[in-house]
Amino acid sequence: MQVSDNGTGIPAHVQEKIFQPFFTTKPTGEGTGLGLSLSYDIVTKTHMGSLSVTSEEGEGTTFMLQFPLESLSA
């Protein structure tokens, strides 16, 4: 499954860190930076799937989720 937007894209230096715990682009005190980190852990560790991001600045971003068939039938 993939989800895409037509936004401004994510710079490469941010893409490298996007799934790290506590990483945020928000000002200090405005958010924990846990949303994508928790999502990544749920997809990869609990469901043995994968979560990836591709983005072109000025073009948009696509998140791709892949799950093994065994995970979907549980």
Protein backbone atom coordinates (compact mmCIF):
# COMPACT_ATOMS: atom_id res chain seq x y z
CA MET A 1 0.00 0.00 0.00
CA GLN A 2 1.25 3.49 -0.68
CA VAL A 3 0.10 6.96 0.27
CA SER A 4 1.26 9.98 -1.73
CA ASP A 5 0.80 13.71 -1.49
CA ASN A 6 1.50 16.60 -3.79
CA GLY A 7 3.18 18.78 -1.16
CA THR A 8 6.57 20.42 -1.14
CA GLY A 9 8.51 17.21 -0.52
CA ILE A 10 10.93 16.26 2.24
CA PRO A 11 14.59 17.31 2.02
CA ALA A 12 17.09 14.42 1.80
CA HIS A 13 18.74 15.29 5.14
CA VAL A 14 15.34 14.96 6.86
CA GLN A 15 14.45 11.70 5.05
CA GLU A 16 17.55 10.09 6.58
CA LYS A 17 16.22 10.73 10.11
CA ILE A 18 12.45 10.61 9.64
CA PHE A 19 11.89 7.29 11.44
CA GLN A 20 14.26 8.01 14.36
CA PRO A 21 12.68 8.44 17.81
CA PHE A 22 12.34 12.05 18.96
CA PHE A 23 13.32 13.51 15.58
CA THR A 24 11.07 16.44 14.73
CA THR A 25 11.17 19.44 12.46
CA LYS A 26 8.90 21.34 14.84
CA PRO A 27 10.20 24.01 17.23
CA THR A 28 11.33 22.83 20.67
CA GLY A 29 8.38 22.02 22.90
CA GLU A 30 5.93 21.53 20.01
CA GLY A 31 5.70 17.78 19.51
CA THR A 32 7.59 14.70 20.58
CA GLY A 33 8.76 13.33 17.24
CA LEU A 34 7.42 9.88 18.07
CA GLY A 35 4.65 9.45 15.49
CA LEU A 36 6.63 8.03 12.58
CA SER A 37 9.03 6.20 14.90
CA LEU A 38 6.16 4.35 16.59
CA SER A 39 4.53 3.65 13.22
CA TYR A 40 7.81 2.26 11.91
CA ASP A 41 8.22 -0.03 14.94
CA ILE A 42 4.63 -1.33 14.68
CA VAL A 43 4.94 -2.07 10.96
CA THR A 44 8.44 -3.60 11.08
CA LYS A 45 8.62 -5.29 14.48
CA THR A 46 5.02 -6.28 15.21
CA HIS A 47 3.89 -7.12 11.68
CA MET A 48 7.31 -7.95 10.13
CA GLY A 49 6.62 -5.51 7.29
CA SER A 50 8.41 -2.51 5.90
CA LEU A 51 7.76 1.22 5.87
CA SER A 52 9.70 3.48 3.53
CA VAL A 53 9.57 7.02 2.20
CA THR A 54 10.51 8.54 -1.14
CA SER A 55 10.33 12.24 -1.78
CA GLU A 56 11.34 14.83 -4.33
CA GLU A 57 11.57 18.42 -3.16
CA GLY A 58 8.89 20.41 -4.96
CA GLU A 59 7.15 17.22 -6.18
CA GLY A 60 5.66 15.48 -3.13
CA THR A 61 6.19 12.46 -0.90
CA THR A 62 5.18 8.80 -0.99
CA PHE A 63 5.11 6.46 2.01
CA MET A 64 5.05 2.75 1.14
CA LEU A 65 3.87 0.06 3.54
CA GLN A 66 4.43 -3.62 2.80
CA PHE A 67 3.21 -6.52 4.92
CA PRO A 68 3.86 -10.25 4.57
CA LEU A 69 0.72 -12.27 3.78
CA GLU A 70 1.00 -14.13 7.10
CA SER A 71 0.61 -10.85 8.98
CA LEU A 72 -2.57 -9.90 7.12
CA SER A 73 -4.33 -13.18 7.84
CA ALA A 74 -3.75 -13.03 11.61
